[in-house]
Amino acid sequence: MKLTTGICVLLCAAVVAGCAQKELRLIRSTTRGPDEFQVLPTKPLTPPTDYATLPQPTPGGSNLVDPTPQADAVAALGGRTSALDPNNGIPAGDSALVTAASRHGVEPGVRESLAAADAKFRKRQRRTGRIKLFPVDRYEQAYRKQALEPFAVTEEFRRSGFGTPTSPPEVLE
């Protein structure tokens, strides 16, 4: 009797453990819905100070309540939104920095090429690990070889003579 009760308890524990939620770490979307991070809320409607100075409406153009995330971020961090270059969003005072950073050239479409390379990498990783008996973290599994061990990297930099900030002690399990 005790043996069957023990087996039932272990079986129930295994069933409950198999129901763990890992949606945040899934690489692929499981839904066909919209991406909630692509939806930007509009600014609240406010009455203008003078109705005579309103801009002419431009069909298909920008609106006063359209979101401006880059300008909002600059303002939230204490910057001047008037200094933003309307063509590329770079503050006028930072143009020398951008020129120096891109002195060796800038690859056009770098985001698209990296996204394509990452998709190819994930597809190659998916082929080798399709059948699993137990739930696994696919994200950790795909990028395991690219992960850094923070304590080992810190020690390597310290041995090389670089000044490194202190870090919390390593917890040994």
N, C-alpha and C. Protein backbone atom coordinates (compact mmCIF):
# COMPACT_ATOMS: atom_id res chain seq x y z
N MET A 1 0.82 -1.20 0.00
CA MET A 1 0.00 0.00 0.00
C MET A 1 0.86 1.26 0.00
N LYS A 2 1.95 1.24 0.85
CA LYS A 2 2.81 2.41 0.91
C LYS A 2 3.56 2.60 -0.40
N LEU A 3 3.91 1.50 -1.06
CA LEU A 3 4.63 1.59 -2.31
C LEU A 3 3.77 2.22 -3.40
N THR A 4 2.51 1.84 -3.51
CA THR A 4 1.63 2.41 -4.52
C THR A 4 1.34 3.88 -4.22
N THR A 5 1.21 4.23 -2.95
CA THR A 5 1.00 5.64 -2.58
C THR A 5 2.22 6.46 -2.95
N GLY A 6 3.40 5.94 -2.70
CA GLY A 6 4.63 6.64 -3.05
C GLY A 6 4.77 6.83 -4.55
N ILE A 7 4.42 5.79 -5.30
CA ILE A 7 4.50 5.88 -6.76
C ILE A 7 3.49 6.91 -7.27
N CYS A 8 2.28 6.93 -6.71
CA CYS A 8 1.27 7.93 -7.12
C CYS A 8 1.73 9.34 -6.81
N VAL A 9 2.35 9.54 -5.64
CA VAL A 9 2.84 10.87 -5.27
C VAL A 9 3.94 11.31 -6.23
N LEU A 10 4.87 10.41 -6.55
CA LEU A 10 5.94 10.75 -7.49
C LEU A 10 5.39 11.03 -8.89
N LEU A 11 4.41 10.25 -9.31
CA LEU A 11 3.81 10.47 -10.62
C LEU A 11 3.10 11.82 -10.67
N CYS A 12 2.36 12.16 -9.62
CA CYS A 12 1.69 13.47 -9.58
C CYS A 12 2.70 14.61 -9.56
N ALA A 13 3.80 14.44 -8.84
CA ALA A 13 4.84 15.48 -8.80
C ALA A 13 5.46 15.66 -10.18
N ALA A 14 5.68 14.57 -10.90
CA ALA A 14 6.26 14.67 -12.25
C ALA A 14 5.29 15.35 -13.21
N VAL A 15 4.00 15.06 -13.08
CA VAL A 15 3.00 15.69 -13.95
C VAL A 15 2.93 17.19 -13.67
N VAL A 16 2.93 17.59 -12.40
CA VAL A 16 2.87 19.01 -12.05
C VAL A 16 4.15 19.72 -12.48
N ALA A 17 5.29 19.08 -12.35
CA ALA A 17 6.55 19.70 -12.76
C ALA A 17 6.61 19.89 -14.27
N GLY A 18 5.95 19.06 -15.01
CA GLY A 18 5.93 19.19 -16.46
C GLY A 18 5.06 20.33 -16.95
N CYS A 19 4.28 20.92 -16.07
CA CYS A 19 3.40 22.01 -16.45
C CYS A 19 4.03 23.39 -16.19
N ALA A 20 5.32 23.45 -15.99
CA ALA A 20 5.98 24.73 -15.70
C ALA A 20 5.86 25.66 -16.89
N GLN A 21 5.71 26.95 -16.61
CA GLN A 21 5.57 27.97 -17.65
C GLN A 21 6.93 28.54 -18.00
N LYS A 22 7.30 28.50 -19.27
CA LYS A 22 8.58 29.05 -19.72
C LYS A 22 8.38 29.96 -20.91
N GLU A 23 7.22 30.65 -21.01
CA GLU A 23 6.94 31.46 -22.19
C GLU A 23 7.93 32.59 -22.36
N LEU A 24 8.45 33.15 -21.27
CA LEU A 24 9.34 34.30 -21.40
C LEU A 24 10.66 33.94 -22.06
N ARG A 25 11.03 32.69 -22.03
CA ARG A 25 12.31 32.28 -22.61
C ARG A 25 12.15 31.58 -23.95
N LEU A 26 10.94 31.45 -24.46
CA LEU A 26 10.74 30.80 -25.75
C LEU A 26 11.30 31.68 -26.85
N ILE A 27 11.97 31.11 -27.80
CA ILE A 27 12.57 31.88 -28.88
C ILE A 27 11.51 32.26 -29.92
N ARG A 28 10.62 31.35 -30.21
CA ARG A 28 9.59 31.61 -31.21
C ARG A 28 8.30 32.05 -30.55
N SER A 29 7.54 32.90 -31.21
CA SER A 29 6.25 33.31 -30.70
C SER A 29 5.26 32.17 -30.89
N THR A 30 4.43 31.96 -29.89
CA THR A 30 3.44 30.89 -29.97
C THR A 30 2.08 31.42 -30.40
N THR A 31 1.97 32.73 -30.56
CA THR A 31 0.69 33.32 -30.94
C THR A 31 0.83 34.05 -32.26
N ARG A 32 -0.30 34.36 -32.87
CA ARG A 32 -0.30 35.12 -34.12
C ARG A 32 -0.70 36.57 -33.87
N GLY A 33 -0.77 36.97 -32.61
CA GLY A 33 -1.21 38.31 -32.26
C GLY A 33 -0.15 39.35 -32.52
N PRO A 34 -0.49 40.62 -32.31
CA PRO A 34 0.47 41.69 -32.56
C PRO A 34 1.55 41.71 -31.48
N ASP A 35 2.67 42.33 -31.81
CA ASP A 35 3.76 42.49 -30.86
C ASP A 35 3.45 43.70 -30.00
N GLU A 36 3.25 43.49 -28.72
CA GLU A 36 2.86 44.59 -27.84
C GLU A 36 3.95 45.63 -27.67
N PHE A 37 5.19 45.29 -28.02
CA PHE A 37 6.27 46.26 -27.90
C PHE A 37 6.35 47.18 -29.12
N GLN A 38 5.62 46.87 -30.17
CA GLN A 38 5.60 47.71 -31.35
C GLN A 38 4.48 48.75 -31.30
N VAL A 39 3.58 48.63 -30.34
CA VAL A 39 2.45 49.54 -30.23
C VAL A 39 2.85 50.67 -29.29
N LEU A 40 2.84 51.89 -29.80
CA LEU A 40 3.19 53.05 -28.99
C LEU A 40 1.93 53.85 -28.68
N PRO A 41 1.73 54.19 -27.42
CA PRO A 41 0.55 54.99 -27.10
C PRO A 41 0.72 56.42 -27.60
N THR A 42 -0.39 57.06 -27.92
CA THR A 42 -0.33 58.45 -28.35
C THR A 42 -0.23 59.35 -27.13
N LYS A 43 0.21 60.56 -27.37
CA LYS A 43 0.29 61.54 -26.29
C LYS A 43 -1.12 62.03 -25.97
N PRO A 44 -1.34 62.50 -24.75
CA PRO A 44 -2.69 62.99 -24.44
C PRO A 44 -3.03 64.25 -25.23
N LEU A 45 -4.29 64.38 -25.57
CA LEU A 45 -4.75 65.56 -26.29
C LEU A 45 -4.73 66.76 -25.35
N THR A 46 -4.18 67.85 -25.82
CA THR A 46 -4.15 69.09 -25.03
C THR A 46 -4.58 70.23 -25.93
N PRO A 47 -5.31 71.18 -25.38
CA PRO A 47 -5.72 72.31 -26.22
C PRO A 47 -4.52 73.21 -26.50
N PRO A 48 -4.41 73.74 -27.71
CA PRO A 48 -3.29 74.63 -28.02
C PRO A 48 -3.44 75.97 -27.32
N THR A 49 -2.32 76.65 -27.16
CA THR A 49 -2.36 77.96 -26.50
C THR A 49 -3.00 78.99 -27.42
N ASP A 50 -2.79 78.85 -28.72
CA ASP A 50 -3.37 79.79 -29.67
C ASP A 50 -3.86 79.01 -30.88
N TYR A 51 -5.16 79.09 -31.15
CA TYR A 51 -5.73 78.34 -32.27
C TYR A 51 -5.32 78.92 -33.62
N ALA A 52 -4.84 80.15 -33.65
CA ALA A 52 -4.45 80.78 -34.91
C ALA A 52 -3.10 80.25 -35.41
N THR A 53 -2.27 79.69 -34.52
CA THR A 53 -0.93 79.24 -34.91
C THR A 53 -0.86 77.73 -35.12
N LEU A 54 -1.96 77.08 -35.29
CA LEU A 54 -1.95 75.63 -35.51
C LEU A 54 -1.34 75.31 -36.88
N PRO A 55 -0.56 74.23 -36.99
CA PRO A 55 0.00 73.88 -38.30
C PRO A 55 -1.08 73.36 -39.23
N GLN A 56 -0.81 73.46 -40.52
CA GLN A 56 -1.75 72.95 -41.52
C GLN A 56 -1.78 71.42 -41.42
N PRO A 57 -2.96 70.83 -41.54
CA PRO A 57 -3.02 69.36 -41.50
C PRO A 57 -2.32 68.76 -42.72
N THR A 58 -1.61 67.67 -42.48
CA THR A 58 -0.92 66.97 -43.55
C THR A 58 -1.42 65.53 -43.58
N PRO A 59 -2.26 65.18 -44.55
CA PRO A 59 -2.77 63.80 -44.61
C PRO A 59 -1.62 62.82 -44.76
N GLY A 60 -1.60 61.84 -43.90
CA GLY A 60 -0.55 60.84 -43.92
C GLY A 60 0.73 61.29 -43.24
N GLY A 61 0.78 62.53 -42.78
CA GLY A 61 1.98 63.06 -42.13
C GLY A 61 1.91 62.89 -40.63
N SER A 62 2.79 63.59 -39.94
CA SER A 62 2.83 63.47 -38.48
C SER A 62 1.75 64.33 -37.84
N ASN A 63 1.43 63.99 -36.63
CA ASN A 63 0.40 64.68 -35.86
C ASN A 63 1.03 65.16 -34.56
N LEU A 64 0.43 66.15 -33.92
CA LEU A 64 0.98 66.66 -32.67
C LEU A 64 0.95 65.62 -31.55
N VAL A 65 0.04 64.66 -31.62
CA VAL A 65 -0.07 63.65 -30.57
C VAL A 65 0.63 62.34 -30.95
N ASP A 66 1.32 62.31 -32.09
CA ASP A 66 2.07 61.12 -32.46
C ASP A 66 3.22 60.91 -31.50
N PRO A 67 3.55 59.66 -31.20
CA PRO A 67 4.67 59.41 -30.29
C PRO A 67 6.01 59.77 -30.92
N THR A 68 6.87 60.32 -30.12
CA THR A 68 8.25 60.64 -30.52
C THR A 68 9.17 60.03 -29.47
N PRO A 69 9.41 58.72 -29.54
CA PRO A 69 10.13 58.05 -28.46
C PRO A 69 11.56 58.55 -28.26
N GLN A 70 12.24 58.90 -29.34
CA GLN A 70 13.63 59.35 -29.18
C GLN A 70 13.66 60.71 -28.48
N ALA A 71 12.82 61.63 -28.90
CA ALA A 71 12.78 62.94 -28.25
C ALA A 71 12.30 62.82 -26.82
N ASP A 72 11.35 61.93 -26.56
CA ASP A 72 10.86 61.72 -25.19
C ASP A 72 11.96 61.15 -24.30
N ALA A 73 12.78 60.25 -24.85
CA ALA A 73 13.89 59.68 -24.07
C ALA A 73 14.93 60.75 -23.76
N VAL A 74 15.23 61.60 -24.74
CA VAL A 74 16.20 62.68 -24.51
C VAL A 74 15.68 63.62 -23.44
N ALA A 75 14.40 63.97 -23.49
CA ALA A 75 13.82 64.86 -22.50
C ALA A 75 13.79 64.20 -21.12
N ALA A 76 13.50 62.89 -21.06
CA ALA A 76 13.44 62.20 -19.77
C ALA A 76 14.82 62.11 -19.13
N LEU A 77 15.87 62.06 -19.93
CA LEU A 77 17.22 61.99 -19.40
C LEU A 77 17.84 63.36 -19.16
N GLY A 78 17.05 64.40 -19.36
CA GLY A 78 17.53 65.75 -19.06
C GLY A 78 18.17 66.45 -20.22
N GLY A 79 18.04 65.94 -21.43
CA GLY A 79 18.64 66.57 -22.60
C GLY A 79 17.74 67.60 -23.22
N ARG A 80 18.24 68.24 -24.26
CA ARG A 80 17.46 69.25 -24.98
C ARG A 80 16.93 68.63 -26.26
N THR A 81 15.62 68.58 -26.39
CA THR A 81 15.03 68.01 -27.60
C THR A 81 15.19 68.95 -28.78
N SER A 82 15.43 70.22 -28.54
CA SER A 82 15.63 71.15 -29.64
C SER A 82 16.95 70.90 -30.35
N ALA A 83 17.89 70.19 -29.69
CA ALA A 83 19.19 69.93 -30.30
C ALA A 83 19.17 68.72 -31.22
N LEU A 84 18.06 68.00 -31.29
CA LEU A 84 18.00 66.82 -32.16
C LEU A 84 17.99 67.23 -33.62
N ASP A 85 18.77 66.54 -34.41
CA ASP A 85 18.79 66.75 -35.85
C ASP A 85 17.54 66.08 -36.42
N PRO A 86 16.66 66.80 -37.08
CA PRO A 86 15.42 66.18 -37.56
C PRO A 86 15.64 65.10 -38.61
N ASN A 87 16.80 65.10 -39.26
CA ASN A 87 17.03 64.10 -40.31
C ASN A 87 17.39 62.74 -39.75
N ASN A 88 18.25 62.68 -38.73
CA ASN A 88 18.67 61.37 -38.23
C ASN A 88 18.56 61.22 -36.72
N GLY A 89 18.07 62.20 -36.00
CA GLY A 89 17.85 62.07 -34.57
C GLY A 89 19.10 62.15 -33.73
N ILE A 90 20.22 62.62 -34.29
CA ILE A 90 21.47 62.74 -33.53
C ILE A 90 21.58 64.16 -33.01
N PRO A 91 21.79 64.35 -31.72
CA PRO A 91 21.96 65.71 -31.20
C PRO A 91 23.14 66.40 -31.89
N ALA A 92 22.99 67.69 -32.11
CA ALA A 92 24.02 68.45 -32.83
C ALA A 92 25.37 68.37 -32.13
N GLY A 93 25.37 68.35 -30.79
CA GLY A 93 26.63 68.27 -30.05
C GLY A 93 27.31 66.92 -30.15
N ASP A 94 26.59 65.90 -30.58
CA ASP A 94 27.16 64.56 -30.67
C ASP A 94 27.60 64.20 -32.08
N SER A 95 27.50 65.12 -33.02
CA SER A 95 27.85 64.77 -34.39
C SER A 95 29.34 64.42 -34.52
N ALA A 96 30.21 65.09 -33.74
CA ALA A 96 31.64 64.75 -33.79
C ALA A 96 31.88 63.35 -33.24
N LEU A 97 31.15 62.97 -32.20
CA LEU A 97 31.28 61.64 -31.63
C LEU A 97 30.84 60.57 -32.63
N VAL A 98 29.73 60.82 -33.31
CA VAL A 98 29.23 59.87 -34.30
C VAL A 98 30.22 59.76 -35.47
N THR A 99 30.80 60.88 -35.87
CA THR A 99 31.79 60.86 -36.95
C THR A 99 33.02 60.05 -36.55
N ALA A 100 33.49 60.24 -35.31
CA ALA A 100 34.67 59.49 -34.84
C ALA A 100 34.36 58.00 -34.72
N ALA A 101 33.16 57.67 -34.25
CA ALA A 101 32.80 56.26 -34.07
C ALA A 101 32.63 55.55 -35.41
N SER A 102 32.28 56.29 -36.46
CA SER A 102 32.07 55.65 -37.76
C SER A 102 33.21 55.93 -38.73
N ARG A 103 34.38 56.26 -38.21
CA ARG A 103 35.51 56.61 -39.08
C ARG A 103 36.01 55.43 -39.90
N HIS A 104 35.79 54.20 -39.45
CA HIS A 104 36.23 53.03 -40.21
C HIS A 104 35.12 52.47 -41.08
N GLY A 105 34.04 53.21 -41.19
CA GLY A 105 32.93 52.79 -42.03
C GLY A 105 31.79 52.21 -41.23
N VAL A 106 30.63 52.31 -41.79
CA VAL A 106 29.42 51.78 -41.16
C VAL A 106 28.78 50.84 -42.15
N GLU A 107 28.52 49.63 -41.69
CA GLU A 107 27.89 48.65 -42.58
C GLU A 107 26.42 49.00 -42.74
N PRO A 108 25.97 49.26 -43.97
CA PRO A 108 24.55 49.55 -44.15
C PRO A 108 23.73 48.28 -43.93
N GLY A 109 22.61 48.43 -43.26
CA GLY A 109 21.74 47.29 -43.02
C GLY A 109 22.30 46.28 -42.04
N VAL A 110 23.08 46.75 -41.06
CA VAL A 110 23.72 45.82 -40.12
C VAL A 110 22.68 45.08 -39.28
N ARG A 111 21.59 45.75 -38.93
CA ARG A 111 20.56 45.08 -38.13
C ARG A 111 19.91 43.94 -38.90
N GLU A 112 19.62 44.17 -40.16
CA GLU A 112 18.99 43.13 -40.97
C GLU A 112 19.92 41.95 -41.19
N SER A 113 21.22 42.23 -41.44
CA SER A 113 22.15 41.13 -41.66
C SER A 113 22.38 40.33 -40.38
N LEU A 114 22.43 41.01 -39.23
CA LEU A 114 22.57 40.28 -37.97
C LEU A 114 21.32 39.48 -37.65
N ALA A 115 20.15 40.02 -37.94
CA ALA A 115 18.91 39.28 -37.69
C ALA A 115 18.85 38.04 -38.57
N ALA A 116 19.28 38.15 -39.82
CA ALA A 116 19.28 36.99 -40.71
C ALA A 116 20.29 35.94 -40.24
N ALA A 117 21.48 36.39 -39.79
CA ALA A 117 22.48 35.45 -39.30
C ALA A 117 22.00 34.76 -38.02
N ASP A 118 21.32 35.49 -37.15
CA ASP A 118 20.80 34.90 -35.92
C ASP A 118 19.69 33.90 -36.22
N ALA A 119 18.82 34.22 -37.17
CA ALA A 119 17.76 33.29 -37.54
C ALA A 119 18.36 31.99 -38.11
N LYS A 120 19.40 32.13 -38.92
CA LYS A 120 20.07 30.95 -39.47
C LYS A 120 20.71 30.12 -38.36
N PHE A 121 21.34 30.79 -37.39
CA PHE A 121 21.96 30.10 -36.25
C PHE A 121 20.92 29.35 -35.44
N ARG A 122 19.78 30.02 -35.14
CA ARG A 122 18.74 29.36 -34.35
C ARG A 122 18.13 28.19 -35.10
N LYS A 123 18.00 28.29 -36.42
CA LYS A 123 17.46 27.18 -37.21
C LYS A 123 18.40 25.99 -37.16
N ARG A 124 19.71 26.26 -37.25
CA ARG A 124 20.70 25.19 -37.17
C ARG A 124 20.68 24.54 -35.78
N GLN A 125 20.50 25.33 -34.73
CA GLN A 125 20.44 24.79 -33.37
C GLN A 125 19.17 23.97 -33.16
N ARG A 126 18.09 24.36 -33.80
CA ARG A 126 16.82 23.68 -33.63
C ARG A 126 16.86 22.28 -34.22
N ARG A 127 17.64 22.09 -35.29
CA ARG A 127 17.73 20.77 -35.93
C ARG A 127 18.32 19.73 -34.99
N THR A 128 19.28 20.13 -34.18
CA THR A 128 19.97 19.15 -33.34
C THR A 128 19.21 18.81 -32.08
N GLY A 129 18.24 19.60 -31.69
CA GLY A 129 17.56 19.33 -30.43
C GLY A 129 16.06 19.36 -30.51
N ARG A 130 15.48 18.66 -31.46
CA ARG A 130 14.04 18.70 -31.64
C ARG A 130 13.28 17.84 -30.64
N ILE A 131 13.75 16.63 -30.39
CA ILE A 131 13.00 15.71 -29.54
C ILE A 131 13.60 15.74 -28.14
N LYS A 132 12.77 16.10 -27.18
CA LYS A 132 13.19 16.16 -25.78
C LYS A 132 12.14 15.42 -24.93
N LEU A 133 12.62 14.64 -23.99
CA LEU A 133 11.71 13.94 -23.11
C LEU A 133 11.15 14.85 -22.03
N PHE A 134 11.93 15.85 -21.63
CA PHE A 134 11.52 16.75 -20.57
C PHE A 134 11.59 18.18 -21.09
N PRO A 135 10.81 19.11 -20.49
CA PRO A 135 10.86 20.49 -20.95
C PRO A 135 12.25 21.09 -20.73
N VAL A 136 12.74 21.79 -21.72
CA VAL A 136 14.06 22.42 -21.63
C VAL A 136 13.93 23.89 -22.01
N ASP A 137 14.90 24.66 -21.60
CA ASP A 137 14.96 26.08 -21.91
C ASP A 137 15.67 26.21 -23.26
N ARG A 138 14.93 26.41 -24.33
CA ARG A 138 15.51 26.46 -25.68
C ARG A 138 16.45 27.64 -25.85
N TYR A 139 16.16 28.76 -25.22
CA TYR A 139 17.02 29.94 -25.33
C TYR A 139 18.39 29.64 -24.74
N GLU A 140 18.40 29.12 -23.53
CA GLU A 140 19.68 28.79 -22.87
C GLU A 140 20.41 27.71 -23.65
N GLN A 141 19.66 26.78 -24.19
CA GLN A 141 20.26 25.69 -24.94
C GLN A 141 20.91 26.19 -26.24
N ALA A 142 20.27 27.13 -26.92
CA ALA A 142 20.80 27.63 -28.19
C ALA A 142 22.02 28.52 -28.00
N TYR A 143 22.03 29.33 -26.95
CA TYR A 143 23.10 30.31 -26.77
C TYR A 143 24.07 29.94 -25.66
N ARG A 144 24.09 28.68 -25.24
CA ARG A 144 24.95 28.24 -24.14
C ARG A 144 26.43 28.51 -24.43
N LYS A 145 26.89 28.24 -25.64
CA LYS A 145 28.31 28.41 -25.96
C LYS A 145 28.71 29.87 -26.07
N GLN A 146 27.76 30.78 -26.22
CA GLN A 146 28.06 32.19 -26.34
C GLN A 146 27.95 32.94 -25.01
N ALA A 147 27.51 32.28 -23.97
CA ALA A 147 27.33 32.93 -22.68
C ALA A 147 28.68 33.14 -22.00
N LEU A 148 28.78 34.22 -21.26
CA LEU A 148 30.00 34.53 -20.52
C LEU A 148 29.86 34.10 -19.07
N GLU A 149 30.93 33.62 -18.51
CA GLU A 149 30.99 33.37 -17.07
C GLU A 149 31.53 34.65 -16.45
N PRO A 150 30.72 35.43 -15.75
CA PRO A 150 31.16 36.76 -15.31
C PRO A 150 32.36 36.73 -14.38
N PHE A 151 32.43 35.77 -13.49
CA PHE A 151 33.55 35.73 -12.54
C PHE A 151 34.86 35.34 -13.24
N ALA A 152 34.79 34.42 -14.19
CA ALA A 152 35.99 34.03 -14.93
C ALA A 152 36.50 35.19 -15.79
N VAL A 153 35.60 35.94 -16.41
CA VAL A 153 35.99 37.08 -17.23
C VAL A 153 36.59 38.18 -16.35
N THR A 154 36.01 38.41 -15.19
CA THR A 154 36.54 39.41 -14.27
C THR A 154 37.95 39.04 -13.84
N GLU A 155 38.17 37.78 -13.49
CA GLU A 155 39.51 37.35 -13.08
C GLU A 155 40.50 37.46 -14.23
N GLU A 156 40.07 37.15 -15.44
CA GLU A 156 40.96 37.26 -16.60
C GLU A 156 41.38 38.71 -16.83
N PHE A 157 40.44 39.64 -16.70
CA PHE A 157 40.78 41.05 -16.86
C PHE A 157 41.70 41.53 -15.74
N ARG A 158 41.47 41.06 -14.53
CA ARG A 158 42.33 41.47 -13.41
C ARG A 158 43.76 40.96 -13.60
N ARG A 159 43.91 39.73 -14.07
CA ARG A 159 45.25 39.20 -14.33
C ARG A 159 45.95 39.95 -15.46
N SER A 160 45.17 40.50 -16.39
CA SER A 160 45.75 41.26 -17.50
C SER A 160 46.15 42.67 -17.10
N GLY A 161 45.78 43.08 -15.89
CA GLY A 161 46.17 44.40 -15.41
C GLY A 161 45.10 45.47 -15.57
N PHE A 162 43.92 45.12 -16.02
CA PHE A 162 42.85 46.10 -16.14
C PHE A 162 42.22 46.35 -14.77
N GLY A 163 41.85 47.59 -14.52
CA GLY A 163 41.11 47.90 -13.31
C GLY A 163 39.68 47.45 -13.46
N THR A 164 39.22 46.64 -12.54
CA THR A 164 37.84 46.15 -12.61
C THR A 164 37.12 46.52 -11.33
N PRO A 165 35.84 46.81 -11.42
CA PRO A 165 35.09 47.11 -10.20
C PRO A 165 34.89 45.86 -9.36
N THR A 166 34.59 46.07 -8.12
CA THR A 166 34.31 44.92 -7.27
C THR A 166 32.98 44.32 -7.67
N SER A 167 32.83 43.06 -7.43
CA SER A 167 31.59 42.38 -7.76
C SER A 167 31.20 41.52 -6.56
N PRO A 168 29.94 41.14 -6.49
CA PRO A 168 29.54 40.31 -5.36
C PRO A 168 30.27 38.97 -5.39
N PRO A 169 30.46 38.36 -4.25
CA PRO A 169 31.18 37.08 -4.23
C PRO A 169 30.41 36.00 -4.98
N GLU A 170 31.17 35.08 -5.54
CA GLU A 170 30.57 33.97 -6.28
C GLU A 170 29.91 33.01 -5.31
N VAL A 171 28.70 32.64 -5.59
CA VAL A 171 27.96 31.71 -4.74
C VAL A 171 28.20 30.31 -5.29
N LEU A 172 28.80 29.48 -4.50
CA LEU A 172 29.07 28.10 -4.92
C LEU A 172 27.91 27.23 -4.49
N GLU A 173 27.41 26.45 -5.42
CA GLU A 173 26.25 25.60 -5.10
C GLU A 173 26.67 24.21 -4.73
